[in-house]
Protein backbone atom coordinates (compact mmCIF):
# COMPACT_ATOMS: atom_id res chain seq x y z
CA MET A 1 -5.85 -30.73 57.00
CA THR A 2 -8.09 -28.83 59.30
CA LEU A 3 -11.25 -26.75 58.48
CA LEU A 4 -9.49 -23.98 59.25
CA GLU A 5 -6.88 -24.32 56.99
CA SER A 6 -9.17 -24.98 54.14
CA LEU A 7 -10.95 -22.06 54.75
CA VAL A 8 -7.61 -19.82 54.74
CA ALA A 9 -6.44 -21.64 51.38
CA LEU A 10 -10.12 -20.72 49.83
CA VAL A 11 -9.79 -17.22 50.86
CA ILE A 12 -6.36 -17.12 49.46
CA ILE A 13 -7.57 -18.78 46.03
CA GLY A 14 -10.31 -16.08 45.86
CA LEU A 15 -8.26 -13.17 46.21
CA THR A 16 -5.99 -14.45 43.59
CA ALA A 17 -9.05 -15.04 41.42
CA VAL A 18 -10.11 -11.34 41.99
CA GLY A 19 -6.72 -9.92 40.98
CA PHE A 20 -6.71 -12.05 37.69
CA LEU A 21 -10.31 -10.74 37.12
CA GLU A 22 -9.36 -7.28 37.45
CA ALA A 23 -6.38 -7.65 35.26
CA PHE A 24 -8.77 -9.34 32.32
CA GLN A 25 -11.32 -6.29 32.67
CA THR A 26 -8.32 -3.47 32.62
CA THR A 27 -7.16 -5.19 29.36
CA SER A 28 -10.45 -5.38 28.01
CA ARG A 29 -11.48 -1.51 28.84
CA SER A 30 -7.80 -0.64 27.09
CA THR A 31 -8.42 -2.51 24.14
CA ARG A 32 -11.90 -0.97 23.82
CA ASP A 33 -10.33 2.68 24.28
CA ALA A 34 -7.61 1.74 21.80
CA GLU A 35 -9.93 0.92 19.13
CA VAL A 36 -11.96 4.33 19.76
CA TRP A 37 -8.65 6.21 19.11
CA VAL A 38 -7.68 4.27 16.24
CA GLN A 39 -11.11 5.25 14.78
CA ALA A 40 -10.48 8.84 15.60
CA VAL A 41 -6.92 8.76 13.71
CA GLY A 42 -8.45 7.31 10.79
CA TYR A 43 -11.03 9.93 10.56
CA ALA A 44 -8.65 12.59 11.00
CA GLU A 45 -6.60 11.39 8.44
CA ALA A 46 -9.15 10.79 5.96
CA SER A 47 -10.43 14.27 6.60
CA MET A 48 -6.78 15.73 6.26
CA GLU A 49 -6.22 13.93 2.94
CA GLU A 50 -9.61 15.20 1.33
CA THR A 51 -8.64 18.82 2.56
CA LYS A 52 -5.39 18.67 1.07
CA LEU A 53 -6.75 17.39 -2.18
CA GLY A 54 -9.41 20.15 -2.15
CA THR A 55 -12.10 17.51 -2.48
CA PHE A 56 -13.72 17.81 1.03
CA LEU A 57 -17.34 17.43 0.49
CA ARG A 58 -18.74 16.14 3.65
CA ASP A 59 -21.90 14.33 2.81
CA PRO A 60 -23.82 12.98 5.73
CA THR A 61 -25.29 10.12 3.67
CA ALA A 62 -21.86 9.22 2.57
CA LEU A 63 -20.31 5.84 3.58
CA ASP A 64 -17.07 7.49 4.96
CA ALA A 65 -19.41 9.92 6.98
CA LEU A 66 -18.49 10.21 10.60
CA PRO A 67 -20.59 8.21 13.20
CA ALA A 68 -23.03 10.53 15.39
CA SER A 69 -20.60 10.06 18.26
CA PHE A 70 -17.56 11.75 16.59
CA THR A 71 -17.27 15.44 15.57
CA ASP A 72 -14.45 17.09 13.56
CA ASP A 73 -13.22 20.51 13.07
CA ILE A 74 -11.29 21.47 10.24
CA VAL A 75 -9.23 24.81 10.13
CA VAL A 76 -7.26 25.98 7.25
CA GLU A 77 -5.05 29.25 7.78
CA PRO A 78 -2.11 30.60 6.14
CA TRP A 79 1.36 29.92 7.88
CA ALA A 80 2.98 32.67 9.39
CA GLY A 81 5.62 34.30 7.45
CA ALA A 82 5.12 32.05 4.52
CA ARG A 83 2.45 32.93 1.51
CA SER A 84 3.04 29.50 -0.19
CA ILE A 85 2.48 27.55 3.04
CA THR A 86 -0.80 26.84 4.70
CA GLN A 87 -1.62 24.95 7.90
CA ILE A 88 -4.48 22.38 8.03
CA THR A 89 -5.56 21.37 11.64
CA VAL A 90 -8.20 18.44 11.89
CA THR A 91 -9.40 18.06 15.21
CA VAL A 92 -11.56 14.96 16.07
CA THR A 93 -13.95 14.71 19.12
CA LEU A 94 -14.21 11.37 20.36
CA PRO A 95 -17.55 10.10 22.18
CA GLY A 96 -15.85 9.94 25.51
CA GLY A 97 -14.85 13.60 25.43
CA GLY A 98 -11.27 13.29 24.29
CA THR A 99 -10.01 14.98 21.36
CA PHE A 100 -7.10 13.97 18.73
CA ALA A 101 -5.55 16.93 16.75
CA LEU A 102 -3.78 16.67 13.46
CA HIS A 103 -1.84 19.38 12.20
CA ARG A 104 -0.21 19.50 8.72
CA LEU A 105 1.77 22.16 6.74
CA VAL A 106 1.00 22.22 2.94
CA ARG A 107 2.55 23.96 0.01
CA THR A 108 0.00 25.92 -1.90
CA PRO A 109 0.30 26.53 -5.46
């Protein structure tokens, strides 16, 4: 094996290693982003259930309070054409600027 063949083999192995490292980095980033989205869905569902039950009292010192990087907006409005149905919309804004909106129709007594 000549020196030139050895150098070519090292370049090929190096390029292959770079490809694998990029794949690992992409997987890691995707996992981290998925974790943030799962948290946002959890916060939206918790706020939705509290609102549906009429027990929504957001205390900033409570254990289930949103972290400072998340914000939420809750809109309760009557459903068009039906007096006994209410639409609840919970929108959670993620730290990176994305939003998750959860919509539910609830029968009011």
